[in-house]
C-alpha atoms as a PDB file:
ATOM      1  CA  MET A   1     162.563 -21.276-134.365  1.00  0.00           C
ATOM      2  CA  LEU A   2     159.266 -20.514-136.103  1.00  0.00           C
ATOM      3  CA  ALA A   3     158.756 -18.339-139.157  1.00  0.00           C
ATOM      4  CA  LEU A   4     155.776 -16.012-138.762  1.00  0.00           C
ATOM      5  CA  GLU A   5     153.673 -14.192-141.351  1.00  0.00           C
ATOM      6  CA  VAL A   6     151.132 -11.550-140.338  1.00  0.00           C
ATOM      7  CA  ALA A   7     148.166 -10.128-142.253  1.00  0.00           C
ATOM      8  CA  LEU A   8     145.373  -7.849-141.097  1.00  0.00           C
ATOM      9  CA  MET A   9     142.283  -6.048-142.303  1.00  0.00           C
ATOM     10  CA  THR A  10     139.931  -3.505-140.780  1.00  0.00           C
ATOM     11  CA  ASP A  11     136.716  -2.102-142.248  1.00  0.00           C
ATOM     12  CA  ARG A  12     134.135   0.347-140.952  1.00  0.00           C
ATOM     13  CA  GLY A  13     131.352  -1.844-142.316  1.00  0.00           C
ATOM     14  CA  GLY A  14     128.069   0.024-142.398  1.00  0.00           C
ATOM     15  CA  ARG A  15     129.062   2.574-139.769  1.00  0.00           C
ATOM     16  CA  LYS A  16     130.143   6.179-140.272  1.00  0.00           C
ATOM     17  CA  TYR A  17     133.536   5.625-138.661  1.00  0.00           C
ATOM     18  CA  ASN A  18     135.723   2.772-137.517  1.00  0.00           C
ATOM     19  CA  GLU A  19     136.113   2.248-133.760  1.00  0.00           C
ATOM     20  CA  ASP A  20     138.365  -0.823-134.149  1.00  0.00           C
ATOM     21  CA  ALA A  21     142.149  -0.720-133.902  1.00  0.00           C
ATOM     22  CA  CYS A  22     144.920  -3.290-134.162  1.00  0.00           C
ATOM     23  CA  GLY A  23     148.684  -3.491-134.353  1.00  0.00           C
ATOM     24  CA  HIS A  24     151.697  -5.705-133.784  1.00  0.00           C
ATOM     25  CA  TRP A  25     155.325  -5.474-132.690  1.00  0.00           C
ATOM     26  CA  HIS A  26     158.188  -7.939-132.657  1.00  0.00           C
ATOM     27  CA  SER A  27     161.621  -8.339-131.169  1.00  0.00           C
ATOM     28  CA  LYS A  28     164.192 -11.033-131.884  1.00  0.00           C
ATOM     29  CA  ARG A  29     162.138 -13.461-129.793  1.00  0.00           C
ATOM     30  CA  HIS A  30     158.538 -12.268-129.395  1.00  0.00           C
ATOM     31  CA  LEU A  31     155.638 -11.180-131.573  1.00  0.00           C
ATOM     32  CA  CYS A  32     152.966  -9.163-129.755  1.00  0.00           C
ATOM     33  CA  CYS A  33     149.606  -8.606-131.480  1.00  0.00           C
ATOM     34  CA  VAL A  34     146.816  -6.435-130.066  1.00  0.00           C
ATOM     35  CA  LEU A  35     143.280  -5.847-131.312  1.00  0.00           C
ATOM     36  CA  ALA A  36     140.614  -3.615-129.740  1.00  0.00           C
ATOM     37  CA  ASP A  37     137.007  -2.590-130.358  1.00  0.00           C
ATOM     38  CA  GLY A  38     136.109   0.769-128.839  1.00  0.00           C
ATOM     39  CA  ALA A  39     132.826   2.200-127.575  1.00  0.00           C
ATOM     40  CA  GLY A  40     131.774   5.487-126.076  1.00  0.00           C
ATOM     41  CA  GLY A  41     129.947   7.408-128.750  1.00  0.00           C
ATOM     42  CA  HIS A  42     130.775  10.662-130.577  1.00  0.00           C
ATOM     43  CA  GLY A  43     134.262   9.495-131.487  1.00  0.00           C
ATOM     44  CA  GLY A  44     135.226   8.202-128.057  1.00  0.00           C
ATOM     45  CA  GLY A  45     135.349   4.595-129.205  1.00  0.00           C
ATOM     46  CA  ASP A  46     138.105   5.056-131.756  1.00  0.00           C
ATOM     47  CA  ILE A  47     140.155   6.966-129.187  1.00  0.00           C
ATOM     48  CA  ALA A  48     139.692   4.192-126.627  1.00  0.00           C
ATOM     49  CA  SER A  49     140.693   1.382-128.990  1.00  0.00           C
ATOM     50  CA  ARG A  50     143.751   3.313-130.169  1.00  0.00           C
ATOM     51  CA  ILE A  51     144.837   3.922-126.560  1.00  0.00           C
ATOM     52  CA  ALA A  52     144.438   0.214-125.787  1.00  0.00           C
ATOM     53  CA  VAL A  53     146.595  -0.873-128.728  1.00  0.00           C
ATOM     54  CA  GLN A  54     149.288   1.765-128.268  1.00  0.00           C
ATOM     55  CA  GLU A  55     149.587   1.293-124.510  1.00  0.00           C
ATOM     56  CA  LEU A  56     149.772  -2.492-124.626  1.00  0.00           C
ATOM     57  CA  ILE A  57     152.299  -2.639-127.448  1.00  0.00           C
ATOM     58  CA  GLY A  58     154.356   0.166-125.921  1.00  0.00           C
ATOM     59  CA  ARG A  59     154.453  -1.406-122.471  1.00  0.00           C
ATOM     60  CA  PHE A  60     155.087  -4.908-123.798  1.00  0.00           C
ATOM     61  CA  SER A  61     157.991  -3.698-125.925  1.00  0.00           C
ATOM     62  CA  GLN A  62     159.621  -2.183-122.844  1.00  0.00           C
ATOM     63  CA  GLN A  63     159.272  -5.369-120.784  1.00  0.00           C
ATOM     64  CA  PRO A  64     158.085  -8.426-122.745  1.00  0.00           C
ATOM     65  CA  SER A  65     155.925 -10.787-120.724  1.00  0.00           C
ATOM     66  CA  GLU A  66     156.782 -14.473-120.578  1.00  0.00           C
ATOM     67  CA  ARG A  67     153.588 -15.723-118.958  1.00  0.00           C
ATOM     68  CA  ALA A  68     149.866 -15.091-119.156  1.00  0.00           C
ATOM     69  CA  ALA A  69     149.769 -13.661-115.621  1.00  0.00           C
ATOM     70  CA  GLU A  70     152.165 -10.897-116.676  1.00  0.00           C
ATOM     71  CA  LEU A  71     149.979 -10.069-119.673  1.00  0.00           C
ATOM     72  CA  ASP A  72     146.963  -9.931-117.357  1.00  0.00           C
ATOM     73  CA  ARG A  73     148.796  -7.269-115.343  1.00  0.00           C
ATOM     74  CA  LEU A  74     149.590  -5.268-118.503  1.00  0.00           C
ATOM     75  CA  LEU A  75     145.900  -5.193-119.453  1.00  0.00           C
ATOM     76  CA  ARG A  76     145.009  -3.923-115.978  1.00  0.00           C
ATOM     77  CA  VAL A  77     147.631  -1.170-116.211  1.00  0.00           C
ATOM     78  CA  THR A  78     146.228  -0.220-119.623  1.00  0.00           C
ATOM     79  CA  ASN A  79     142.768  -0.047-118.065  1.00  0.00           C
ATOM     80  CA  ASP A  80     144.078   2.461-115.519  1.00  0.00           C
ATOM     81  CA  VAL A  81     145.603   4.555-118.320  1.00  0.00           C
ATOM     82  CA  LEU A  82     142.347   4.550-120.291  1.00  0.00           C
ATOM     83  CA  ILE A  83     140.340   5.668-117.279  1.00  0.00           C
ATOM     84  CA  GLY A  84     142.930   8.356-116.552  1.00  0.00           C
ATOM     85  CA  GLN A  85     142.553   9.830-120.037  1.00  0.00           C
ATOM     86  CA  ARG A  86     138.812  10.421-119.782  1.00  0.00           C
ATOM     87  CA  VAL A  87     137.754  14.066-119.992  1.00  0.00           C
ATOM     88  CA  PRO A  88     134.250  15.007-118.753  1.00  0.00           C
ATOM     89  CA  GLY A  89     132.145  16.872-121.287  1.00  0.00           C
ATOM     90  CA  THR A  90     134.110  15.562-124.285  1.00  0.00           C
ATOM     91  CA  ALA A  91     134.148  12.482-126.519  1.00  0.00           C
ATOM     92  CA  LYS A  92     136.494  10.933-123.966  1.00  0.00           C
ATOM     93  CA  GLN A  93     134.105  11.060-121.026  1.00  0.00           C
ATOM     94  CA  ASP A  94     132.720   7.499-121.279  1.00  0.00           C
ATOM     95  CA  MET A  95     135.110   5.620-123.529  1.00  0.00           C
ATOM     96  CA  HIS A  96     135.528   1.861-123.251  1.00  0.00           C
ATOM     97  CA  SER A  97     137.222  -0.797-125.336  1.00  0.00           C
ATOM     98  CA  THR A  98     137.405  -4.539-125.613  1.00  0.00           C
ATOM     99  CA  VAL A  99     140.925  -5.837-126.084  1.00  0.00           C
ATOM    100  CA  VAL A 100     142.680  -9.086-126.938  1.00  0.00           C
ATOM    101  CA  CYS A 101     146.455  -9.525-126.902  1.00  0.00           C
ATOM    102  CA  LEU A 102     148.457 -12.485-128.225  1.00  0.00           C
ATOM    103  CA  VAL A 103     152.157 -13.103-127.646  1.00  0.00           C
ATOM    104  CA  ILE A 104     154.133 -15.732-129.572  1.00  0.00           C
ATOM    105  CA  ASP A 105     157.627 -16.726-128.475  1.00  0.00           C
ATOM    106  CA  PHE A 106     158.856 -17.932-131.849  1.00  0.00           C
ATOM    107  CA  ILE A 107     162.136 -19.259-130.447  1.00  0.00           C
ATOM    108  CA  GLY A 108     160.577 -21.158-127.539  1.00  0.00           C
ATOM    109  CA  HIS A 109     157.501 -22.186-129.605  1.00  0.00           C
ATOM    110  CA  LYS A 110     155.129 -20.862-126.932  1.00  0.00           C
ATOM    111  CA  ALA A 111     152.023 -18.662-126.968  1.00  0.00           C
ATOM    112  CA  HIS A 112     150.116 -16.787-124.279  1.00  0.00           C
ATOM    113  CA  TRP A 113     147.258 -14.320-124.406  1.00  0.00           C
ATOM    114  CA  ALA A 114     144.857 -12.177-122.404  1.00  0.00           C
ATOM    115  CA  HIS A 115     141.581 -10.416-123.166  1.00  0.00           C
ATOM    116  CA  ALA A 116     138.725  -8.370-121.763  1.00  0.00           C
ATOM    117  CA  GLY A 117     135.365  -8.188-123.520  1.00  0.00           C
ATOM    118  CA  ASP A 118     134.195 -10.039-126.633  1.00  0.00           C
ATOM    119  CA  SER A 119     137.055  -9.571-129.074  1.00  0.00           C
ATOM    120  CA  ARG A 120     138.480 -13.047-129.611  1.00  0.00           C
ATOM    121  CA  MET A 121     141.654 -15.058-130.170  1.00  0.00           C
ATOM    122  CA  TYR A 122     141.378 -18.283-132.204  1.00  0.00           C
ATOM    123  CA  TRP A 123     144.119 -20.929-132.440  1.00  0.00           C
ATOM    124  CA  PHE A 124     143.903 -23.324-135.406  1.00  0.00           C
ATOM    125  CA  ARG A 125     145.842 -26.548-135.853  1.00  0.00           C
ATOM    126  CA  GLN A 126     145.646 -28.630-139.029  1.00  0.00           C
ATOM    127  CA  GLY A 127     142.902 -26.294-140.171  1.00  0.00           C
ATOM    128  CA  ARG A 128     140.600 -26.857-137.180  1.00  0.00           C
ATOM    129  CA  VAL A 129     139.875 -24.677-134.157  1.00  0.00           C
ATOM    130  CA  LEU A 130     142.138 -25.917-131.358  1.00  0.00           C
ATOM    131  CA  ASP A 131     141.339 -23.223-128.804  1.00  0.00           C
ATOM    132  CA  ARG A 132     139.700 -19.827-128.494  1.00  0.00           C
ATOM    133  CA  THR A 133     138.966 -17.229-125.848  1.00  0.00           C
ATOM    134  CA  ARG A 134     135.578 -17.081-124.115  1.00  0.00           C
ATOM    135  CA  ASP A 135     133.725 -13.760-124.246  1.00  0.00           C
ATOM    136  CA  HIS A 136     133.040 -11.672-121.163  1.00  0.00           C
ATOM    137  CA  SER A 137     129.383 -11.248-122.114  1.00  0.00           C
ATOM    138  CA  LEU A 138     125.927 -11.985-120.811  1.00  0.00           C
ATOM    139  CA  VAL A 139     125.182 -14.551-123.506  1.00  0.00           C
ATOM    140  CA  GLN A 140     128.499 -16.384-122.965  1.00  0.00           C
ATOM    141  CA  SER A 141     127.511 -16.683-119.293  1.00  0.00           C
ATOM    142  CA  LEU A 142     124.185 -18.184-120.377  1.00  0.00           C
ATOM    143  CA  VAL A 143     125.987 -20.664-122.648  1.00  0.00           C
ATOM    144  CA  ASP A 144     128.443 -21.601-119.895  1.00  0.00           C
ATOM    145  CA  SER A 145     125.599 -22.245-117.451  1.00  0.00           C
ATOM    146  CA  GLY A 146     123.706 -24.398-119.951  1.00  0.00           C
ATOM    147  CA  LEU A 147     120.815 -21.953-120.327  1.00  0.00           C
ATOM    148  CA  LEU A 148     121.599 -21.155-123.965  1.00  0.00           C
ATOM    149  CA  ALA A 149     122.818 -23.361-126.802  1.00  0.00           C
ATOM    150  CA  PRO A 150     126.205 -22.303-128.244  1.00  0.00           C
ATOM    151  CA  GLU A 151     124.724 -21.790-131.715  1.00  0.00           C
ATOM    152  CA  GLU A 152     122.239 -19.269-130.276  1.00  0.00           C
ATOM    153  CA  LEU A 153     125.006 -16.965-129.063  1.00  0.00           C
ATOM    154  CA  ARG A 154     125.408 -15.154-132.398  1.00  0.00           C
ATOM    155  CA  VAL A 155     121.727 -14.262-132.755  1.00  0.00           C
ATOM    156  CA  HIS A 156     120.722 -13.497-129.172  1.00  0.00           C
ATOM    157  CA  PRO A 157     119.271  -9.945-128.861  1.00  0.00           C
ATOM    158  CA  LYS A 158     121.620  -9.185-125.953  1.00  0.00           C
ATOM    159  CA  ARG A 159     124.776 -10.624-127.525  1.00  0.00           C
ATOM    160  CA  SER A 160     126.540  -7.239-127.290  1.00  0.00           C
ATOM    161  CA  GLU A 161     125.942  -6.824-123.552  1.00  0.00           C
ATOM    162  CA  LEU A 162     129.396  -7.120-121.965  1.00  0.00           C
ATOM    163  CA  ARG A 163     130.402  -8.081-118.439  1.00  0.00           C
ATOM    164  CA  SER A 164     133.884  -6.631-118.818  1.00  0.00           C
ATOM    165  CA  ALA A 165     135.940  -4.290-121.017  1.00  0.00           C
ATOM    166  CA  LEU A 166     138.674  -1.734-120.520  1.00  0.00           C
ATOM    167  CA  GLY A 167     137.262   1.439-119.012  1.00  0.00           C
ATOM    168  CA  ILE A 168     135.388  -0.076-116.093  1.00  0.00           C
ATOM    169  CA  ALA A 169     136.396   0.216-112.437  1.00  0.00           C
ATOM    170  CA  PRO A 170     139.585  -1.770-111.698  1.00  0.00           C
ATOM    171  CA  GLU A 171     137.963  -3.709-108.870  1.00  0.00           C
ATOM    172  CA  VAL A 172     135.336  -5.192-111.221  1.00  0.00           C
ATOM    173  CA  LEU A 173     137.433  -5.525-114.389  1.00  0.00           C
ATOM    174  CA  GLU A 174     137.474  -9.135-115.521  1.00  0.00           C
ATOM    175  CA  VAL A 175     140.530 -10.240-117.501  1.00  0.00           C
ATOM    176  CA  SER A 176     141.029 -13.782-118.773  1.00  0.00           C
ATOM    177  CA  ALA A 177     144.525 -14.967-119.582  1.00  0.00           C
ATOM    178  CA  GLY A 178     145.794 -18.268-120.926  1.00  0.00           C
ATOM    179  CA  GLU A 179     148.699 -20.086-122.465  1.00  0.00           C
ATOM    180  CA  GLY A 180     149.063 -23.156-124.623  1.00  0.00           C
ATOM    181  CA  ASP A 181     149.347 -26.540-122.939  1.00  0.00           C
ATOM    182  CA  GLY A 182     151.914 -27.608-125.533  1.00  0.00           C
ATOM    183  CA  ALA A 183     154.289 -26.102-128.031  1.00  0.00           C
ATOM    184  CA  VAL A 184     153.174 -24.003-130.977  1.00  0.00           C
ATOM    185  CA  GLN A 185     153.683 -26.205-134.031  1.00  0.00           C
ATOM    186  CA  PRO A 186     154.716 -25.113-137.522  1.00  0.00           C
ATOM    187  CA  GLY A 187     151.509 -24.736-139.500  1.00  0.00           C
ATOM    188  CA  ASP A 188     149.482 -23.432-136.562  1.00  0.00           C
ATOM    189  CA  VAL A 189     147.404 -20.335-137.333  1.00  0.00           C
ATOM    190  CA  PHE A 190     146.214 -17.670-134.904  1.00  0.00           C
ATOM    191  CA  MET A 191     143.546 -15.053-135.458  1.00  0.00           C
ATOM    192  CA  LEU A 192     142.414 -12.071-133.399  1.00  0.00           C
ATOM    193  CA  CYS A 193     139.068 -10.567-134.374  1.00  0.00           C
ATOM    194  CA  THR A 194     136.301  -8.245-133.232  1.00  0.00           C
ATOM    195  CA  ASP A 195     132.674  -9.295-132.848  1.00  0.00           C
ATOM    196  CA  GLY A 196     132.014  -7.745-136.259  1.00  0.00           C
ATOM    197  CA  VAL A 197     133.805 -10.814-137.668  1.00  0.00           C
ATOM    198  CA  TRP A 198     132.827 -13.743-135.452  1.00  0.00           C
ATOM    199  CA  GLU A 199     129.166 -12.723-135.192  1.00  0.00           C
ATOM    200  CA  TYR A 200     128.799 -13.506-138.911  1.00  0.00           C
ATOM    201  CA  LEU A 201     131.342 -16.293-139.351  1.00  0.00           C
ATOM    202  CA  PRO A 202     130.863 -19.506-137.345  1.00  0.00           C
ATOM    203  CA  ASP A 203     133.773 -21.864-136.781  1.00  0.00           C
ATOM    204  CA  GLU A 204     132.977 -24.008-139.818  1.00  0.00           C
ATOM    205  CA  VAL A 205     133.219 -20.976-142.135  1.00  0.00           C
ATOM    206  CA  LEU A 206     136.523 -19.957-140.570  1.00  0.00           C
ATOM    207  CA  GLU A 207     137.862 -23.482-141.095  1.00  0.00           C
ATOM    208  CA  GLN A 208     136.553 -23.801-144.660  1.00  0.00           C
ATOM    209  CA  THR A 209     138.004 -20.468-145.775  1.00  0.00           C
ATOM    210  CA  LEU A 210     141.306 -21.228-144.041  1.00  0.00           C
ATOM    211  CA  ALA A 211     141.542 -24.540-145.887  1.00  0.00           C
ATOM    212  CA  GLY A 212     141.037 -22.782-149.219  1.00  0.00           C
ATOM    213  CA  ALA A 213     143.500 -19.930-148.671  1.00  0.00           C
ATOM    214  CA  ALA A 214     146.970 -19.917-150.181  1.00  0.00           C
ATOM    215  CA  ASN A 215     148.406 -17.399-147.728  1.00  0.00           C
ATOM    216  CA  PRO A 216     147.426 -15.127-144.800  1.00  0.00           C
ATOM    217  CA  ALA A 217     146.490 -12.146-146.978  1.00  0.00           C
ATOM    218  CA  ALA A 218     144.243 -14.332-149.147  1.00  0.00           C
ATOM    219  CA  TRP A 219     142.479 -15.723-146.070  1.00  0.00           C
ATOM    220  CA  ILE A 220     141.924 -12.309-144.507  1.00  0.00           C
ATOM    221  CA  GLY A 221     140.617 -11.042-147.838  1.00  0.00           C
ATOM    222  CA  GLN A 222     138.163 -13.927-148.070  1.00  0.00           C
ATOM    223  CA  LEU A 223     136.973 -13.349-144.498  1.00  0.00           C
ATOM    224  CA  SER A 224     136.170  -9.758-145.453  1.00  0.00           C
ATOM    225  CA  VAL A 225     134.137 -10.995-148.418  1.00  0.00           C
ATOM    226  CA  GLU A 226     132.286 -13.506-146.227  1.00  0.00           C
ATOM    227  CA  VAL A 227     131.433 -10.898-143.582  1.00  0.00           C
ATOM    228  CA  ARG A 228     130.013  -8.519-146.180  1.00  0.00           C
ATOM    229  CA  LYS A 229     128.014 -11.353-147.732  1.00  0.00           C
ATOM    230  CA  ALA A 230     126.599 -12.492-144.389  1.00  0.00           C
ATOM    231  CA  ALA A 231     125.826  -8.911-143.262  1.00  0.00           C
ATOM    232  CA  ARG A 232     124.312  -7.659-146.511  1.00  0.00           C
ATOM    233  CA  HIS A 233     120.823  -7.616-144.960  1.00  0.00           C
ATOM    234  CA  LYS A 234     122.024  -5.177-142.280  1.00  0.00           C
ATOM    235  CA  THR A 235     122.976  -1.801-143.755  1.00  0.00           C
ATOM    236  CA  SER A 236     124.463  -0.498-140.499  1.00  0.00           C
ATOM    237  CA  HIS A 237     126.473  -3.593-139.616  1.00  0.00           C
ATOM    238  CA  ASP A 238     129.394  -3.205-137.254  1.00  0.00           C
ATOM    239  CA  ASN A 239     133.026  -2.407-137.994  1.00  0.00           C
ATOM    240  CA  PHE A 240     134.999  -5.615-138.508  1.00  0.00           C
ATOM    241  CA  THR A 241     138.686  -6.237-137.948  1.00  0.00           C
ATOM    242  CA  ALA A 242     140.915  -9.311-137.976  1.00  0.00           C
ATOM    243  CA  LEU A 243     144.623  -9.995-137.619  1.00  0.00           C
ATOM    244  CA  THR A 244     146.099 -13.391-138.404  1.00  0.00           C
ATOM    245  CA  VAL A 245     149.491 -14.982-137.766  1.00  0.00           C
ATOM    246  CA  TRP A 246     150.551 -18.038-139.761  1.00  0.00           C
ATOM    247  CA  THR A 247     153.453 -20.082-138.438  1.00  0.00           C
ATOM    248  CA  GLY A 248     155.894 -22.234-140.334  1.00  0.00           C
ATOM    249  CA  PRO A 249     159.334 -23.763-140.033  1.00  0.00           C
ATOM    250  CA  ALA A 250     162.120 -21.228-140.075  1.00  0.00           C
ATOM    251  CA  PRO A 251     164.136 -21.231-143.304  1.00  0.00           C
ATOM    252  CA  GLU A 252     167.517 -22.852-143.008  1.00  0.00           C
ATOM    253  CA  SER A 253     170.408 -20.450-142.585  1.00  0.00           C
END
């Protein structure tokens, strides 16, 4: 069995209100973490992200998924719910949201995840990035096809142009789901974050701050400091949200 410790932070940054949302739930076997970044204007974004988090956690808690394919299906059901809650002529008429969901089976030492959009999941082992999700965005497509260098992704003028997110037609919704090739090991660290975090913090900064942190709360606090430092030239910088899970050996009974 693994011991898990969770910490999170969310900040409206330089915006008037925060359209990010995150949450987590656990049973005697599973931890489910969800993070979302809403869009839609005039308050629709915060509604969309809240719907995404509440629906996914609520549905997962009723029937926990064991595989990535099942989590993929839950995201698609949540997409249907989000579309169904739109109201023409109100803040809800054009709401969308990115979403990323991570599930850890802390008895079976397994992890699986699914996402739509450019909110990310990172998996660290021995302080280095072991795996992460790939954004559903125009610039990620350019990187994947070799037309753009990976380091250019964060500064490209169209970096926020998404190919997929909750709120689009089901037949074109793109969901990516994955699961670890091996067991989750004590000491592994996971992080979910919105683009307001990763846009300013490249992998080497994430690794350096992780190495210097005594605990999850300290790391999340330092990430917040680093984002504000890196975004100080941009007065209207985006909301930023992160949720981290640190694993360790379970204490002896």
